[in-house]
Amino acid sequence: KNRVPDEKNNFRARVAVVGSEIDDIDMIKLIEDSGAYVCA
């Protein structure tokens, strides 16, 4: 709540990830490291 976000977003697109079981935290990290923000 009190966190100050970065002045400039370090992502280029916002994506919703939909589908089957994901318990691998590397999956979301890989998507975000590739320029997409996982918003849902």
All heavy atoms as atom14 arrays in JSON, in Angstrom:
{
  "sequence": "KNRVPDEKNNFRARVAVVGSEIDDIDMIKLIEDSGAYVCA",
  "atom14_mask": [
    [1, 1, 1, 1, 1, 1, 1, 1, 1, 0, 0, 0, 0, 0],
    [1, 1, 1, 1, 1, 1, 1, 1, 0, 0, 0, 0, 0, 0],
    [1, 1, 1, 1, 1, 1, 1, 1, 1, 1, 1, 0, 0, 0],
    [1, 1, 1, 1, 1, 1, 1, 0, 0, 0, 0, 0, 0, 0],
    [1, 1, 1, 1, 1, 1, 1, 0, 0, 0, 0, 0, 0, 0],
    [1, 1, 1, 1, 1, 1, 1, 1, 0, 0, 0, 0, 0, 0],
    [1, 1, 1, 1, 1, 1, 1, 1, 1, 0, 0, 0, 0, 0],
    [1, 1, 1, 1, 1, 1, 1, 1, 1, 0, 0, 0, 0, 0],
    [1, 1, 1, 1, 1, 1, 1, 1, 0, 0, 0, 0, 0, 0],
    [1, 1, 1, 1, 1, 1, 1, 1, 0, 0, 0, 0, 0, 0],
    [1, 1, 1, 1, 1, 1, 1, 1, 1, 1, 1, 0, 0, 0],
    [1, 1, 1, 1, 1, 1, 1, 1, 1, 1, 1, 0, 0, 0],
    [1, 1, 1, 1, 1, 0, 0, 0, 0, 0, 0, 0, 0, 0],
    [1, 1, 1, 1, 1, 1, 1, 1, 1, 1, 1, 0, 0, 0],
    [1, 1, 1, 1, 1, 1, 1, 0, 0, 0, 0, 0, 0, 0],
    [1, 1, 1, 1, 1, 0, 0, 0, 0, 0, 0, 0, 0, 0],
    [1, 1, 1, 1, 1, 1, 1, 0, 0, 0, 0, 0, 0, 0],
    [1, 1, 1, 1, 1, 1, 1, 0, 0, 0, 0, 0, 0, 0],
    [1, 1, 1, 1, 0, 0, 0, 0, 0, 0, 0, 0, 0, 0],
    [1, 1, 1, 1, 1, 1, 0, 0, 0, 0, 0, 0, 0, 0],
    [1, 1, 1, 1, 1, 1, 1, 1, 1, 0, 0, 0, 0, 0],
    [1, 1, 1, 1, 1, 1, 1, 1, 0, 0, 0, 0, 0, 0],
    [1, 1, 1, 1, 1, 1, 1, 1, 0, 0, 0, 0, 0, 0],
    [1, 1, 1, 1, 1, 1, 1, 1, 0, 0, 0, 0, 0, 0],
    [1, 1, 1, 1, 1, 1, 1, 1, 0, 0, 0, 0, 0, 0],
    [1, 1, 1, 1, 1, 1, 1, 1, 0, 0, 0, 0, 0, 0],
    [1, 1, 1, 1, 1, 1, 1, 1, 0, 0, 0, 0, 0, 0],
    [1, 1, 1, 1, 1, 1, 1, 1, 0, 0, 0, 0, 0, 0],
    [1, 1, 1, 1, 1, 1, 1, 1, 1, 0, 0, 0, 0, 0],
    [1, 1, 1, 1, 1, 1, 1, 1, 0, 0, 0, 0, 0, 0],
    [1, 1, 1, 1, 1, 1, 1, 1, 0, 0, 0, 0, 0, 0],
    [1, 1, 1, 1, 1, 1, 1, 1, 1, 0, 0, 0, 0, 0],
    [1, 1, 1, 1, 1, 1, 1, 1, 0, 0, 0, 0, 0, 0],
    [1, 1, 1, 1, 1, 1, 0, 0, 0, 0, 0, 0, 0, 0],
    [1, 1, 1, 1, 0, 0, 0, 0, 0, 0, 0, 0, 0, 0],
    [1, 1, 1, 1, 1, 0, 0, 0, 0, 0, 0, 0, 0, 0],
    [1, 1, 1, 1, 1, 1, 1, 1, 1, 1, 1, 1, 0, 0],
    [1, 1, 1, 1, 1, 1, 1, 0, 0, 0, 0, 0, 0, 0],
    [1, 1, 1, 1, 1, 1, 0, 0, 0, 0, 0, 0, 0, 0],
    [1, 1, 1, 1, 1, 0, 0, 0, 0, 0, 0, 0, 0, 0]
  ],
  "atom14_positions": [
    [[0.83, -1.22, 0.0], [0.0, 0.0, 0.0], [0.86, 1.26, 0.0], [0.53, 2.26, -0.62], [-0.91, 0.02, 1.23], [-2.14, -0.86, 1.13], [-2.96, -0.75, 2.41], [-4.18, -1.65, 2.37], [-4.93, -1.6, 3.66], [0.0, 0.0, 0.0], [0.0, 0.0, 0.0], [0.0, 0.0, 0.0], [0.0, 0.0, 0.0], [0.0, 0.0, 0.0]],
    [[1.97, 1.21, 0.72], [2.84, 2.38, 0.87], [4.03, 2.36, -0.09], [4.91, 3.22, -0.01], [3.35, 2.47, 2.32], [2.21, 2.64, 3.31], [1.41, 3.55, 3.17], [2.13, 1.77, 4.31], [0.0, 0.0, 0.0], [0.0, 0.0, 0.0], [0.0, 0.0, 0.0], [0.0, 0.0, 0.0], [0.0, 0.0, 0.0], [0.0, 0.0, 0.0]],
    [[4.07, 1.41, -0.97], [5.2, 1.25, -1.89], [5.12, 2.28, -3.01], [4.04, 2.54, -3.55], [5.16, -0.15, -2.47], [6.47, -0.67, -3.03], [6.24, -2.07, -3.59], [7.47, -2.81, -3.79], [7.54, -3.97, -4.42], [6.43, -4.52, -4.91], [8.69, -4.6, -4.57], [0.0, 0.0, 0.0], [0.0, 0.0, 0.0], [0.0, 0.0, 0.0]],
    [[6.23, 2.83, -3.38], [6.28, 3.79, -4.48], [6.69, 3.05, -5.75], [7.78, 2.48, -5.82], [7.29, 4.93, -4.19], [7.35, 5.9, -5.37], [6.92, 5.66, -2.91], [0.0, 0.0, 0.0], [0.0, 0.0, 0.0], [0.0, 0.0, 0.0], [0.0, 0.0, 0.0], [0.0, 0.0, 0.0], [0.0, 0.0, 0.0], [0.0, 0.0, 0.0]],
    [[5.81, 3.02, -6.76], [6.15, 2.29, -7.99], [7.26, 3.0, -8.76], [7.52, 4.19, -8.56], [4.84, 2.29, -8.77], [4.09, 3.46, -8.27], [4.48, 3.64, -6.83], [0.0, 0.0, 0.0], [0.0, 0.0, 0.0], [0.0, 0.0, 0.0], [0.0, 0.0, 0.0], [0.0, 0.0, 0.0], [0.0, 0.0, 0.0], [0.0, 0.0, 0.0]],
    [[7.89, 2.26, -9.66], [8.93, 2.86, -10.5], [8.33, 3.96, -11.36], [7.17, 3.88, -11.79], [9.56, 1.79, -11.41], [10.36, 0.76, -10.6], [10.82, 1.11, -9.5], [10.52, -0.38, -11.08], [0.0, 0.0, 0.0], [0.0, 0.0, 0.0], [0.0, 0.0, 0.0], [0.0, 0.0, 0.0], [0.0, 0.0, 0.0], [0.0, 0.0, 0.0]],
    [[9.12, 4.97, -11.64], [8.66, 6.09, -12.45], [8.3, 5.63, -13.86], [7.32, 6.08, -14.45], [9.76, 7.17, -12.52], [9.32, 8.48, -13.16], [8.17, 9.15, -12.42], [8.14, 9.09, -11.17], [7.3, 9.72, -13.1], [0.0, 0.0, 0.0], [0.0, 0.0, 0.0], [0.0, 0.0, 0.0], [0.0, 0.0, 0.0], [0.0, 0.0, 0.0]],
    [[9.1, 4.69, -14.37], [8.86, 4.19, -15.73], [8.65, 2.67, -15.66], [9.45, 1.96, -15.04], [10.05, 4.52, -16.62], [9.86, 4.16, -18.1], [11.08, 4.61, -18.91], [10.89, 4.36, -20.4], [10.7, 2.95, -20.74], [0.0, 0.0, 0.0], [0.0, 0.0, 0.0], [0.0, 0.0, 0.0], [0.0, 0.0, 0.0], [0.0, 0.0, 0.0]],
    [[7.57, 2.19, -16.26], [7.31, 0.75, -16.27], [8.42, 0.01, -17.02], [8.87, 0.46, -18.07], [5.96, 0.45, -16.93], [4.79, 0.84, -16.06], [4.88, 0.77, -14.83], [3.69, 1.24, -16.67], [0.0, 0.0, 0.0], [0.0, 0.0, 0.0], [0.0, 0.0, 0.0], [0.0, 0.0, 0.0], [0.0, 0.0, 0.0], [0.0, 0.0, 0.0]],
    [[8.83, -1.13, -16.46], [9.87, -1.91, -17.16], [9.26, -3.05, -17.96], [9.91, -4.06, -18.23], [10.9, -2.45, -16.16], [10.27, -3.34, -15.09], [9.06, -3.53, -15.1], [11.09, -3.85, -14.19], [0.0, 0.0, 0.0], [0.0, 0.0, 0.0], [0.0, 0.0, 0.0], [0.0, 0.0, 0.0], [0.0, 0.0, 0.0], [0.0, 0.0, 0.0]],
    [[7.98, -2.91, -18.32], [7.34, -3.88, -19.2], [6.77, -3.15, -20.41], [6.55, -1.95, -20.38], [6.24, -4.66, -18.47], [5.15, -3.78, -17.9], [4.07, -3.37, -18.67], [5.2, -3.36, -16.57], [3.07, -2.57, -18.14], [4.2, -2.56, -16.03], [3.14, -2.16, -16.82], [0.0, 0.0, 0.0], [0.0, 0.0, 0.0], [0.0, 0.0, 0.0]],
    [[6.51, -3.91, -21.48], [6.04, -3.31, -22.73], [4.61, -3.68, -23.07], [4.01, -3.13, -23.99], [6.97, -3.72, -23.87], [8.39, -3.15, -23.7], [9.46, -4.06, -24.26], [9.22, -4.44, -25.64], [9.76, -5.51, -26.23], [10.55, -6.31, -25.54], [9.5, -5.77, -27.48], [0.0, 0.0, 0.0], [0.0, 0.0, 0.0], [0.0, 0.0, 0.0]],
    [[4.06, -4.66, -22.35], [2.67, -5.08, -22.59], [2.14, -5.76, -21.32], [2.91, -6.32, -20.54], [2.59, -6.05, -23.77], [0.0, 0.0, 0.0], [0.0, 0.0, 0.0], [0.0, 0.0, 0.0], [0.0, 0.0, 0.0], [0.0, 0.0, 0.0], [0.0, 0.0, 0.0], [0.0, 0.0, 0.0], [0.0, 0.0, 0.0], [0.0, 0.0, 0.0]],
    [[0.83, -5.68, -21.15], [0.18, -6.34, -20.02], [-0.55, -7.58, -20.53], [-1.29, -7.49, -21.51], [-0.82, -5.38, -19.36], [-0.2, -4.09, -18.82], [-1.28, -3.08, -18.45], [-2.17, -3.59, -17.42], [-1.99, -3.38, -16.1], [-0.96, -2.67, -15.68], [-2.84, -3.88, -15.22], [0.0, 0.0, 0.0], [0.0, 0.0, 0.0], [0.0, 0.0, 0.0]],
    [[-0.35, -8.72, -19.86], [-0.99, -9.95, -20.33], [-1.72, -10.66, -19.18], [-1.29, -10.61, -18.03], [0.02, -10.94, -20.96], [0.67, -10.33, -22.19], [1.07, -11.39, -19.95], [0.0, 0.0, 0.0], [0.0, 0.0, 0.0], [0.0, 0.0, 0.0], [0.0, 0.0, 0.0], [0.0, 0.0, 0.0], [0.0, 0.0, 0.0], [0.0, 0.0, 0.0]],
    [[-2.83, -11.29, -19.53], [-3.5, -12.22, -18.62], [-3.04, -13.63, -18.98], [-3.03, -13.99, -20.16], [-5.02, -12.11, -18.77], [0.0, 0.0, 0.0], [0.0, 0.0, 0.0], [0.0, 0.0, 0.0], [0.0, 0.0, 0.0], [0.0, 0.0, 0.0], [0.0, 0.0, 0.0], [0.0, 0.0, 0.0], [0.0, 0.0, 0.0], [0.0, 0.0, 0.0]],
    [[-2.59, -14.38, -17.99], [-2.17, -15.76, -18.23], [-3.32, -16.68, -17.84], [-3.82, -16.63, -16.72], [-0.9, -16.12, -17.44], [-0.53, -17.58, -17.66], [0.26, -15.21, -17.87], [0.0, 0.0, 0.0], [0.0, 0.0, 0.0], [0.0, 0.0, 0.0], [0.0, 0.0, 0.0], [0.0, 0.0, 0.0], [0.0, 0.0, 0.0], [0.0, 0.0, 0.0]],
    [[-3.75, -17.5, -18.8], [-4.96, -18.32, -18.65], [-4.6, -19.76, -18.95], [-3.81, -20.04, -19.86], [-6.04, -17.84, -19.65], [-7.28, -18.73, -19.58], [-6.41, -16.39, -19.41], [0.0, 0.0, 0.0], [0.0, 0.0, 0.0], [0.0, 0.0, 0.0], [0.0, 0.0, 0.0], [0.0, 0.0, 0.0], [0.0, 0.0, 0.0], [0.0, 0.0, 0.0]],
    [[-5.19, -20.71, -18.18], [-5.01, -22.1, -18.55], [-4.83, -23.06, -17.4], [-5.4, -22.88, -16.33], [0.0, 0.0, 0.0], [0.0, 0.0, 0.0], [0.0, 0.0, 0.0], [0.0, 0.0, 0.0], [0.0, 0.0, 0.0], [0.0, 0.0, 0.0], [0.0, 0.0, 0.0], [0.0, 0.0, 0.0], [0.0, 0.0, 0.0], [0.0, 0.0, 0.0]],
    [[-4.01, -24.08, -17.62], [-3.9, -25.2, -16.69], [-2.97, -24.87, -15.53], [-2.54, -23.74, -15.34], [-3.41, -26.45, -17.44], [-2.06, -26.32, -17.81], [0.0, 0.0, 0.0], [0.0, 0.0, 0.0], [0.0, 0.0, 0.0], [0.0, 0.0, 0.0], [0.0, 0.0, 0.0], [0.0, 0.0, 0.0], [0.0, 0.0, 0.0], [0.0, 0.0, 0.0]],
    [[-2.63, -25.89, -14.79], [-1.88, -25.78, -13.54], [-0.52, -25.1, -13.73], [0.27, -25.51, -14.57], [-1.71, -27.21, -12.98], [-1.3, -27.31, -11.55], [0.2, -27.41, -11.37], [0.95, -27.38, -12.36], [0.62, -27.52, -10.22], [0.0, 0.0, 0.0], [0.0, 0.0, 0.0], [0.0, 0.0, 0.0], [0.0, 0.0, 0.0], [0.0, 0.0, 0.0]],
    [[-0.27, -24.04, -12.94], [1.07, -23.44, -12.88], [1.46, -23.32, -11.42], [0.91, -22.52, -10.67], [1.13, -22.03, -13.51], [0.78, -22.04, -14.99], [2.55, -21.45, -13.33], [0.84, -20.67, -15.65], [0.0, 0.0, 0.0], [0.0, 0.0, 0.0], [0.0, 0.0, 0.0], [0.0, 0.0, 0.0], [0.0, 0.0, 0.0], [0.0, 0.0, 0.0]],
    [[2.39, -24.18, -10.97], [2.95, -23.97, -9.64], [4.45, -23.67, -9.74], [5.14, -23.6, -8.73], [2.68, -25.18, -8.74], [3.48, -26.42, -9.13], [4.71, -26.35, -9.18], [2.86, -27.48, -9.36], [0.0, 0.0, 0.0], [0.0, 0.0, 0.0], [0.0, 0.0, 0.0], [0.0, 0.0, 0.0], [0.0, 0.0, 0.0], [0.0, 0.0, 0.0]],
    [[4.92, -23.48, -10.95], [6.34, -23.19, -11.22], [6.52, -21.67, -11.27], [6.09, -21.02, -12.22], [6.73, -23.84, -12.55], [8.17, -23.57, -12.94], [8.93, -23.07, -12.07], [8.54, -23.86, -14.08], [0.0, 0.0, 0.0], [0.0, 0.0, 0.0], [0.0, 0.0, 0.0], [0.0, 0.0, 0.0], [0.0, 0.0, 0.0], [0.0, 0.0, 0.0]],
    [[7.15, -21.12, -10.24], [7.3, -19.65, -10.2], [8.21, -19.15, -11.32], [8.15, -17.98, -11.71], [7.81, -19.15, -8.83], [9.13, -19.8, -8.44], [6.76, -19.42, -7.75], [9.72, -19.3, -7.14], [0.0, 0.0, 0.0], [0.0, 0.0, 0.0], [0.0, 0.0, 0.0], [0.0, 0.0, 0.0], [0.0, 0.0, 0.0], [0.0, 0.0, 0.0]],
    [[9.02, -20.06, -11.89], [9.89, -19.66, -13.01], [9.08, -19.27, -14.25], [9.53, -18.48, -15.07], [10.85, -20.78, -13.38], [11.96, -20.97, -12.35], [12.2, -20.02, -11.58], [12.56, -22.05, -12.31], [0.0, 0.0, 0.0], [0.0, 0.0, 0.0], [0.0, 0.0, 0.0], [0.0, 0.0, 0.0], [0.0, 0.0, 0.0], [0.0, 0.0, 0.0]],
    [[7.88, -19.85, -14.39], [7.06, -19.57, -15.57], [6.67, -18.09, -15.61], [6.81, -17.42, -16.64], [5.8, -20.46, -15.54], [4.83, -20.21, -16.68], [5.45, -20.77, -18.27], [4.14, -20.23, -19.36], [0.0, 0.0, 0.0], [0.0, 0.0, 0.0], [0.0, 0.0, 0.0], [0.0, 0.0, 0.0], [0.0, 0.0, 0.0], [0.0, 0.0, 0.0]],
    [[6.17, -17.58, -14.49], [5.75, -16.18, -14.45], [6.96, -15.27, -14.55], [6.93, -14.23, -15.22], [4.96, -15.89, -13.15], [3.76, -16.84, -13.04], [4.5, -14.44, -13.1], [2.78, -16.77, -14.19], [0.0, 0.0, 0.0], [0.0, 0.0, 0.0], [0.0, 0.0, 0.0], [0.0, 0.0, 0.0], [0.0, 0.0, 0.0], [0.0, 0.0, 0.0]],
    [[8.05, -15.67, -13.91], [9.29, -14.86, -13.98], [9.79, -14.77, -15.42], [10.17, -13.69, -15.88], [10.36, -15.5, -13.09], [11.56, -14.6, -12.82], [12.44, -15.2, -11.75], [13.43, -14.19, -11.21], [14.18, -13.46, -12.21], [0.0, 0.0, 0.0], [0.0, 0.0, 0.0], [0.0, 0.0, 0.0], [0.0, 0.0, 0.0], [0.0, 0.0, 0.0]],
    [[9.75, -15.89, -16.13], [10.21, -15.9, -17.52], [9.36, -14.97, -18.39], [9.91, -14.21, -19.21], [10.15, -17.34, -18.06], [10.72, -17.6, -19.44], [11.27, -19.02, -19.53], [9.67, -17.4, -20.53], [0.0, 0.0, 0.0], [0.0, 0.0, 0.0], [0.0, 0.0, 0.0], [0.0, 0.0, 0.0], [0.0, 0.0, 0.0], [0.0, 0.0, 0.0]],
    [[8.05, -15.0, -18.2], [7.16, -14.13, -18.98], [7.48, -12.67, -18.7], [7.58, -11.84, -19.62], [5.68, -14.44, -18.66], [5.29, -15.82, -19.21], [4.75, -13.37, -19.25], [3.93, -16.31, -18.75], [0.0, 0.0, 0.0], [0.0, 0.0, 0.0], [0.0, 0.0, 0.0], [0.0, 0.0, 0.0], [0.0, 0.0, 0.0], [0.0, 0.0, 0.0]],
    [[7.67, -12.34, -17.42], [7.93, -10.93, -17.08], [9.33, -10.49, -17.5], [9.53, -9.34, -17.88], [7.71, -10.71, -15.58], [6.26, -10.96, -15.19], [5.78, -10.19, -13.99], [6.53, -10.1, -13.0], [4.66, -9.65, -14.04], [0.0, 0.0, 0.0], [0.0, 0.0, 0.0], [0.0, 0.0, 0.0], [0.0, 0.0, 0.0], [0.0, 0.0, 0.0]],
    [[10.3, -11.41, -17.47], [11.64, -11.09, -17.96], [11.64, -10.88, -19.47], [12.59, -10.3, -20.03], [12.63, -12.2, -17.61], [12.99, -12.21, -16.12], [12.66, -11.22, -15.43], [13.57, -13.21, -15.65], [0.0, 0.0, 0.0], [0.0, 0.0, 0.0], [0.0, 0.0, 0.0], [0.0, 0.0, 0.0], [0.0, 0.0, 0.0], [0.0, 0.0, 0.0]],
    [[10.59, -11.36, -20.14], [10.5, -11.23, -21.61], [9.74, -9.97, -22.04], [9.45, -9.8, -23.22], [9.81, -12.47, -22.2], [10.51, -13.65, -21.83], [0.0, 0.0, 0.0], [0.0, 0.0, 0.0], [0.0, 0.0, 0.0], [0.0, 0.0, 0.0], [0.0, 0.0, 0.0], [0.0, 0.0, 0.0], [0.0, 0.0, 0.0], [0.0, 0.0, 0.0]],
    [[9.4, -9.11, -21.07], [8.8, -7.83, -21.42], [7.31, -7.72, -21.21], [6.7, -6.69, -21.51], [0.0, 0.0, 0.0], [0.0, 0.0, 0.0], [0.0, 0.0, 0.0], [0.0, 0.0, 0.0], [0.0, 0.0, 0.0], [0.0, 0.0, 0.0], [0.0, 0.0, 0.0], [0.0, 0.0, 0.0], [0.0, 0.0, 0.0], [0.0, 0.0, 0.0]],
    [[6.67, -8.79, -20.67], [5.22, -8.76, -20.45], [4.93, -8.72, -18.95], [5.56, -9.46, -18.18], [4.57, -9.98, -21.07], [0.0, 0.0, 0.0], [0.0, 0.0, 0.0], [0.0, 0.0, 0.0], [0.0, 0.0, 0.0], [0.0, 0.0, 0.0], [0.0, 0.0, 0.0], [0.0, 0.0, 0.0], [0.0, 0.0, 0.0], [0.0, 0.0, 0.0]],
    [[4.0, -7.9, -18.54], [3.58, -7.84, -17.15], [2.37, -8.75, -16.96], [1.35, -8.58, -17.64], [3.22, -6.4, -16.76], [2.67, -6.25, -15.36], [3.51, -6.39, -14.26], [1.32, -5.97, -15.13], [3.02, -6.27, -12.97], [0.83, -5.85, -13.85], [1.68, -5.99, -12.76], [1.19, -5.88, -11.49], [0.0, 0.0, 0.0], [0.0, 0.0, 0.0]],
    [[2.46, -9.72, -16.05], [1.35, -10.64, -15.81], [0.37, -9.96, -14.85], [0.57, -9.93, -13.64], [1.84, -11.99, -15.24], [0.66, -12.9, -14.93], [2.8, -12.66, -16.22], [0.0, 0.0, 0.0], [0.0, 0.0, 0.0], [0.0, 0.0, 0.0], [0.0, 0.0, 0.0], [0.0, 0.0, 0.0], [0.0, 0.0, 0.0], [0.0, 0.0, 0.0]],
    [[-0.69, -9.41, -15.43], [-1.63, -8.61, -14.64], [-2.79, -9.43, -14.1], [-3.5, -8.98, -13.2], [-2.16, -7.44, -15.47], [-3.1, -7.92, -16.93], [0.0, 0.0, 0.0], [0.0, 0.0, 0.0], [0.0, 0.0, 0.0], [0.0, 0.0, 0.0], [0.0, 0.0, 0.0], [0.0, 0.0, 0.0], [0.0, 0.0, 0.0], [0.0, 0.0, 0.0]],
    [[-3.02, -10.64, -14.64], [-4.13, -11.47, -14.17], [-3.73, -12.94, -14.29], [-3.04, -13.33, -15.23], [-5.4, -11.19, -14.97], [0.0, 0.0, 0.0], [0.0, 0.0, 0.0], [0.0, 0.0, 0.0], [0.0, 0.0, 0.0], [0.0, 0.0, 0.0], [0.0, 0.0, 0.0], [0.0, 0.0, 0.0], [0.0, 0.0, 0.0], [0.0, 0.0, 0.0]]
  ]
}
